[in-house]
Amino acid sequence: MTLIAIFLIVFVGGPLMFRVQTMSAPSPMGSRMLVFFALACAVGAIWLRYGTMPDWGEEPLVTVAGIVLIWWGWITVLAFGTQALRRADPGRSMRRLTAVIGTAGTTIPWFGLALASYMIA
């Protein structure tokens, strides 16, 4: 049951988050917000890992929170790259191409985790 929930979060939640972050037209202010959010995710994940939390790897909630922050940062970096490409080429074909590639890119961590799980088992 847990694997199904994680699968749905990754394959539905990730693309939805990407869609929300790329819905507006590319702008310098939007790019700054994406950079700020990606940095906040990175700092939060680093703090959970190396900060005052000694339970990384032992406490499931702390570990999952760190992994989620890294994943959100990944999605935000994809959205930032998408918006940069769309600013360079505002055409309809670029919008479609970046939407498809970015949406698919949000699920890449799932395949990495599945492959690692397969190699360990």
N, C-alpha and C. Protein backbone atom coordinates (compact mmCIF):
# COMPACT_ATOMS: atom_id res chain seq x y z
N MET A 1 0.82 -1.20 0.00
CA MET A 1 0.00 0.00 0.00
C MET A 1 0.86 1.26 0.00
N THR A 2 1.98 1.21 0.74
CA THR A 2 2.86 2.36 0.81
C THR A 2 3.49 2.66 -0.55
N LEU A 3 3.87 1.61 -1.26
CA LEU A 3 4.47 1.80 -2.57
C LEU A 3 3.48 2.43 -3.55
N ILE A 4 2.22 2.06 -3.44
CA ILE A 4 1.19 2.64 -4.31
C ILE A 4 1.03 4.13 -4.01
N ALA A 5 1.03 4.48 -2.74
CA ALA A 5 0.91 5.90 -2.36
C ALA A 5 2.10 6.70 -2.88
N ILE A 6 3.31 6.15 -2.73
CA ILE A 6 4.50 6.84 -3.21
C ILE A 6 4.46 6.96 -4.72
N PHE A 7 4.03 5.91 -5.40
CA PHE A 7 3.91 5.94 -6.86
C PHE A 7 2.96 7.06 -7.30
N LEU A 8 1.80 7.15 -6.65
CA LEU A 8 0.84 8.20 -7.01
C LEU A 8 1.38 9.60 -6.72
N ILE A 9 2.07 9.73 -5.60
CA ILE A 9 2.65 11.04 -5.27
C ILE A 9 3.66 11.45 -6.33
N VAL A 10 4.51 10.52 -6.73
CA VAL A 10 5.56 10.84 -7.70
C VAL A 10 4.99 11.07 -9.09
N PHE A 11 4.07 10.22 -9.54
CA PHE A 11 3.58 10.31 -10.91
C PHE A 11 2.38 11.23 -11.09
N VAL A 12 1.78 11.67 -10.01
CA VAL A 12 0.69 12.65 -10.11
C VAL A 12 1.11 13.96 -9.46
N GLY A 13 1.62 13.87 -8.23
CA GLY A 13 2.00 15.07 -7.49
C GLY A 13 3.15 15.84 -8.13
N GLY A 14 4.18 15.12 -8.57
CA GLY A 14 5.34 15.77 -9.19
C GLY A 14 4.97 16.55 -10.45
N PRO A 15 4.32 15.91 -11.41
CA PRO A 15 3.91 16.65 -12.60
C PRO A 15 2.96 17.82 -12.30
N LEU A 16 2.09 17.65 -11.32
CA LEU A 16 1.20 18.76 -10.94
C LEU A 16 1.99 19.93 -10.36
N MET A 17 2.96 19.63 -9.52
CA MET A 17 3.79 20.69 -8.96
C MET A 17 4.56 21.41 -10.06
N PHE A 18 5.10 20.64 -11.01
CA PHE A 18 5.79 21.24 -12.14
C PHE A 18 4.85 22.12 -12.94
N ARG A 19 3.65 21.65 -13.17
CA ARG A 19 2.65 22.41 -13.93
C ARG A 19 2.32 23.74 -13.25
N VAL A 20 2.14 23.68 -11.93
CA VAL A 20 1.83 24.90 -11.18
C VAL A 20 2.99 25.90 -11.29
N GLN A 21 4.22 25.39 -11.20
CA GLN A 21 5.38 26.28 -11.25
C GLN A 21 5.63 26.86 -12.64
N THR A 22 5.10 26.26 -13.67
CA THR A 22 5.36 26.74 -15.03
C THR A 22 4.10 27.30 -15.70
N MET A 23 3.02 27.46 -14.97
CA MET A 23 1.78 27.97 -15.57
C MET A 23 1.90 29.42 -16.02
N SER A 24 2.55 30.24 -15.22
CA SER A 24 2.63 31.65 -15.57
C SER A 24 3.67 31.88 -16.66
N ALA A 25 3.56 33.02 -17.31
CA ALA A 25 4.51 33.37 -18.36
C ALA A 25 5.89 33.60 -17.72
N PRO A 26 6.96 33.26 -18.43
CA PRO A 26 8.30 33.46 -17.89
C PRO A 26 8.57 34.93 -17.59
N SER A 27 9.12 35.20 -16.43
CA SER A 27 9.45 36.56 -16.04
C SER A 27 10.65 36.53 -15.11
N PRO A 28 11.37 37.65 -15.01
CA PRO A 28 12.50 37.69 -14.07
C PRO A 28 12.06 37.45 -12.62
N MET A 29 10.93 38.00 -12.23
CA MET A 29 10.45 37.81 -10.85
C MET A 29 10.08 36.35 -10.61
N GLY A 30 9.45 35.70 -11.58
CA GLY A 30 9.12 34.28 -11.45
C GLY A 30 10.38 33.43 -11.34
N SER A 31 11.41 33.79 -12.10
CA SER A 31 12.68 33.06 -12.03
C SER A 31 13.31 33.22 -10.66
N ARG A 32 13.26 34.43 -10.10
CA ARG A 32 13.80 34.65 -8.76
C ARG A 32 13.07 33.82 -7.72
N MET A 33 11.77 33.72 -7.86
CA MET A 33 10.98 32.93 -6.90
C MET A 33 11.34 31.44 -7.01
N LEU A 34 11.53 30.96 -8.22
CA LEU A 34 11.93 29.56 -8.40
C LEU A 34 13.31 29.29 -7.80
N VAL A 35 14.24 30.22 -8.02
CA VAL A 35 15.58 30.06 -7.45
C VAL A 35 15.50 30.08 -5.93
N PHE A 36 14.72 31.00 -5.37
CA PHE A 36 14.57 31.07 -3.92
C PHE A 36 13.99 29.77 -3.37
N PHE A 37 12.98 29.23 -4.01
CA PHE A 37 12.36 27.99 -3.52
C PHE A 37 13.32 26.82 -3.63
N ALA A 38 14.06 26.73 -4.73
CA ALA A 38 15.04 25.64 -4.88
C ALA A 38 16.12 25.74 -3.81
N LEU A 39 16.59 26.95 -3.54
CA LEU A 39 17.60 27.14 -2.49
C LEU A 39 17.03 26.80 -1.11
N ALA A 40 15.79 27.19 -0.87
CA ALA A 40 15.16 26.87 0.41
C ALA A 40 15.04 25.36 0.60
N CYS A 41 14.69 24.66 -0.46
CA CYS A 41 14.62 23.19 -0.39
C CYS A 41 15.99 22.59 -0.11
N ALA A 42 17.02 23.10 -0.79
CA ALA A 42 18.37 22.57 -0.59
C ALA A 42 18.86 22.84 0.83
N VAL A 43 18.65 24.06 1.31
CA VAL A 43 19.08 24.40 2.67
C VAL A 43 18.31 23.56 3.68
N GLY A 44 17.02 23.38 3.48
CA GLY A 44 16.22 22.56 4.39
C GLY A 44 16.70 21.12 4.42
N ALA A 45 17.00 20.56 3.27
CA ALA A 45 17.48 19.18 3.21
C ALA A 45 18.86 19.05 3.85
N ILE A 46 19.72 20.01 3.62
CA ILE A 46 21.05 19.98 4.24
C ILE A 46 20.93 20.13 5.75
N TRP A 47 20.06 21.00 6.20
CA TRP A 47 19.86 21.17 7.64
C TRP A 47 19.33 19.89 8.28
N LEU A 48 18.38 19.24 7.61
CA LEU A 48 17.88 17.98 8.15
C LEU A 48 18.98 16.92 8.23
N ARG A 49 19.87 16.93 7.26
CA ARG A 49 20.92 15.91 7.22
C ARG A 49 22.07 16.22 8.17
N TYR A 50 22.55 17.46 8.15
CA TYR A 50 23.76 17.79 8.90
C TYR A 50 23.52 18.74 10.07
N GLY A 51 22.32 19.26 10.19
CA GLY A 51 22.03 20.22 11.25
C GLY A 51 21.82 19.57 12.60
N THR A 52 20.88 20.10 13.31
CA THR A 52 20.66 19.64 14.68
C THR A 52 19.86 18.35 14.76
N MET A 53 19.46 17.82 13.64
CA MET A 53 18.69 16.58 13.63
C MET A 53 19.63 15.37 13.56
N PRO A 54 19.82 14.66 14.65
CA PRO A 54 20.72 13.51 14.61
C PRO A 54 20.04 12.22 14.12
N ASP A 55 18.78 12.30 13.77
CA ASP A 55 18.01 11.10 13.47
C ASP A 55 17.96 10.74 11.98
N TRP A 56 18.74 11.41 11.14
CA TRP A 56 18.71 11.10 9.71
C TRP A 56 19.08 9.64 9.49
N GLY A 57 18.25 8.94 8.78
CA GLY A 57 18.49 7.54 8.51
C GLY A 57 17.93 6.61 9.57
N GLU A 58 17.63 7.15 10.73
CA GLU A 58 17.05 6.35 11.81
C GLU A 58 15.57 6.67 12.02
N GLU A 59 15.24 7.93 11.92
CA GLU A 59 13.85 8.37 12.09
C GLU A 59 13.23 8.52 10.70
N PRO A 60 12.23 7.68 10.37
CA PRO A 60 11.66 7.72 9.01
C PRO A 60 11.11 9.08 8.61
N LEU A 61 10.48 9.80 9.51
CA LEU A 61 9.88 11.09 9.16
C LEU A 61 10.94 12.10 8.76
N VAL A 62 12.04 12.15 9.48
CA VAL A 62 13.13 13.08 9.15
C VAL A 62 13.75 12.70 7.81
N THR A 63 13.97 11.43 7.58
CA THR A 63 14.57 10.97 6.33
C THR A 63 13.66 11.26 5.14
N VAL A 64 12.38 10.95 5.29
CA VAL A 64 11.43 11.20 4.20
C VAL A 64 11.31 12.70 3.93
N ALA A 65 11.29 13.52 4.98
CA ALA A 65 11.21 14.97 4.78
C ALA A 65 12.41 15.47 3.99
N GLY A 66 13.60 14.97 4.28
CA GLY A 66 14.79 15.36 3.53
C GLY A 66 14.72 14.95 2.08
N ILE A 67 14.25 13.73 1.84
CA ILE A 67 14.12 13.24 0.47
C ILE A 67 13.08 14.06 -0.31
N VAL A 68 11.99 14.39 0.35
CA VAL A 68 10.94 15.20 -0.30
C VAL A 68 11.48 16.59 -0.64
N LEU A 69 12.25 17.19 0.26
CA LEU A 69 12.83 18.50 -0.03
C LEU A 69 13.78 18.44 -1.22
N ILE A 70 14.58 17.39 -1.29
CA ILE A 70 15.48 17.24 -2.44
C ILE A 70 14.68 17.08 -3.73
N TRP A 71 13.60 16.31 -3.67
CA TRP A 71 12.76 16.09 -4.85
C TRP A 71 12.08 17.39 -5.28
N TRP A 72 11.55 18.14 -4.31
CA TRP A 72 10.92 19.43 -4.64
C TRP A 72 11.94 20.38 -5.27
N GLY A 73 13.16 20.37 -4.74
CA GLY A 73 14.21 21.20 -5.34
C GLY A 73 14.49 20.78 -6.78
N TRP A 74 14.49 19.46 -7.03
CA TRP A 74 14.70 18.94 -8.38
C TRP A 74 13.60 19.44 -9.32
N ILE A 75 12.36 19.34 -8.89
CA ILE A 75 11.24 19.79 -9.72
C ILE A 75 11.35 21.29 -9.98
N THR A 76 11.75 22.05 -8.98
CA THR A 76 11.88 23.49 -9.13
C THR A 76 13.01 23.85 -10.10
N VAL A 77 14.11 23.11 -10.07
CA VAL A 77 15.19 23.35 -11.02
C VAL A 77 14.71 23.04 -12.45
N LEU A 78 13.93 21.97 -12.60
CA LEU A 78 13.34 21.68 -13.92
C LEU A 78 12.43 22.83 -14.37
N ALA A 79 11.63 23.35 -13.46
CA ALA A 79 10.73 24.47 -13.80
C ALA A 79 11.54 25.71 -14.18
N PHE A 80 12.63 25.96 -13.46
CA PHE A 80 13.49 27.11 -13.77
C PHE A 80 14.08 26.97 -15.18
N GLY A 81 14.60 25.79 -15.50
CA GLY A 81 15.14 25.57 -16.84
C GLY A 81 14.08 25.70 -17.91
N THR A 82 12.90 25.19 -17.61
CA THR A 82 11.78 25.31 -18.55
C THR A 82 11.44 26.76 -18.82
N GLN A 83 11.34 27.55 -17.76
CA GLN A 83 10.99 28.96 -17.93
C GLN A 83 12.10 29.70 -18.68
N ALA A 84 13.36 29.33 -18.47
CA ALA A 84 14.45 29.97 -19.20
C ALA A 84 14.37 29.66 -20.69
N LEU A 85 14.08 28.39 -21.01
CA LEU A 85 13.92 28.03 -22.43
C LEU A 85 12.72 28.72 -23.05
N ARG A 86 11.65 28.82 -22.30
CA ARG A 86 10.45 29.49 -22.82
C ARG A 86 10.67 30.99 -23.00
N ARG A 87 11.51 31.58 -22.16
CA ARG A 87 11.80 33.00 -22.34
C ARG A 87 12.64 33.21 -23.60
N ALA A 88 13.55 32.26 -23.88
CA ALA A 88 14.40 32.36 -25.07
C ALA A 88 13.59 32.12 -26.35
N ASP A 89 12.64 31.21 -26.29
CA ASP A 89 11.80 30.89 -27.45
C ASP A 89 10.35 30.79 -26.98
N PRO A 90 9.59 31.87 -27.11
CA PRO A 90 8.21 31.87 -26.59
C PRO A 90 7.20 31.17 -27.49
N GLY A 91 7.65 30.44 -28.46
CA GLY A 91 6.74 29.78 -29.40
C GLY A 91 5.97 28.62 -28.78
N ARG A 92 4.93 28.24 -29.49
CA ARG A 92 4.04 27.18 -29.01
C ARG A 92 4.73 25.82 -28.95
N SER A 93 5.59 25.54 -29.93
CA SER A 93 6.27 24.24 -29.95
C SER A 93 7.24 24.11 -28.77
N MET A 94 7.92 25.20 -28.40
CA MET A 94 8.82 25.16 -27.24
C MET A 94 8.02 24.95 -25.96
N ARG A 95 6.87 25.56 -25.88
CA ARG A 95 6.02 25.39 -24.70
C ARG A 95 5.59 23.93 -24.54
N ARG A 96 5.19 23.32 -25.64
CA ARG A 96 4.78 21.91 -25.60
C ARG A 96 5.96 20.99 -25.28
N LEU A 97 7.08 21.21 -25.94
CA LEU A 97 8.25 20.37 -25.74
C LEU A 97 8.74 20.44 -24.29
N THR A 98 8.85 21.64 -23.75
CA THR A 98 9.33 21.78 -22.37
C THR A 98 8.32 21.22 -21.38
N ALA A 99 7.04 21.28 -21.69
CA ALA A 99 6.04 20.71 -20.79
C ALA A 99 6.18 19.19 -20.73
N VAL A 100 6.38 18.56 -21.87
CA VAL A 100 6.51 17.10 -21.90
C VAL A 100 7.80 16.65 -21.24
N ILE A 101 8.91 17.27 -21.59
CA ILE A 101 10.20 16.87 -21.02
C ILE A 101 10.24 17.16 -19.53
N GLY A 102 9.74 18.31 -19.11
CA GLY A 102 9.75 18.64 -17.69
C GLY A 102 8.86 17.73 -16.87
N THR A 103 7.69 17.41 -17.40
CA THR A 103 6.79 16.50 -16.69
C THR A 103 7.42 15.13 -16.54
N ALA A 104 8.04 14.64 -17.60
CA ALA A 104 8.72 13.35 -17.52
C ALA A 104 9.90 13.41 -16.56
N GLY A 105 10.58 14.55 -16.54
CA GLY A 105 11.75 14.71 -15.68
C GLY A 105 11.42 14.66 -14.19
N THR A 106 10.22 15.03 -13.84
CA THR A 106 9.86 15.00 -12.42
C THR A 106 9.81 13.58 -11.87
N THR A 107 9.65 12.60 -12.73
CA THR A 107 9.53 11.22 -12.27
C THR A 107 10.86 10.46 -12.28
N ILE A 108 11.93 11.08 -12.75
CA ILE A 108 13.22 10.40 -12.83
C ILE A 108 13.68 9.85 -11.48
N PRO A 109 13.52 10.58 -10.38
CA PRO A 109 13.95 10.01 -9.09
C PRO A 109 13.26 8.69 -8.76
N TRP A 110 12.03 8.49 -9.20
CA TRP A 110 11.35 7.23 -8.94
C TRP A 110 12.12 6.06 -9.58
N PHE A 111 12.55 6.26 -10.80
CA PHE A 111 13.27 5.20 -11.49
C PHE A 111 14.62 4.94 -10.83
N GLY A 112 15.26 5.98 -10.33
CA GLY A 112 16.51 5.79 -9.61
C GLY A 112 16.32 4.99 -8.34
N LEU A 113 15.27 5.32 -7.58
CA LEU A 113 14.98 4.57 -6.36
C LEU A 113 14.58 3.13 -6.67
N ALA A 114 13.79 2.94 -7.71
CA ALA A 114 13.38 1.58 -8.08
C ALA A 114 14.58 0.74 -8.52
N LEU A 115 15.47 1.35 -9.28
CA LEU A 115 16.66 0.65 -9.73
C LEU A 115 17.56 0.29 -8.54
N ALA A 116 17.73 1.23 -7.63
CA ALA A 116 18.55 0.96 -6.44
C ALA A 116 17.92 -0.15 -5.60
N SER A 117 16.61 -0.11 -5.47
CA SER A 117 15.91 -1.16 -4.71
C SER A 117 16.08 -2.51 -5.39
N TYR A 118 16.01 -2.52 -6.70
CA TYR A 118 16.17 -3.77 -7.46
C TYR A 118 17.58 -4.33 -7.30
N MET A 119 18.56 -3.45 -7.29
CA MET A 119 19.96 -3.90 -7.20
C MET A 119 20.28 -4.43 -5.81
N ILE A 120 19.62 -3.92 -4.79
CA ILE A 120 19.86 -4.37 -3.42
C ILE A 120 19.19 -5.70 -3.16
N ALA A 121 18.00 -5.87 -3.69
CA ALA A 121 17.20 -7.09 -3.41
C ALA A 121 17.74 -8.32 -4.08
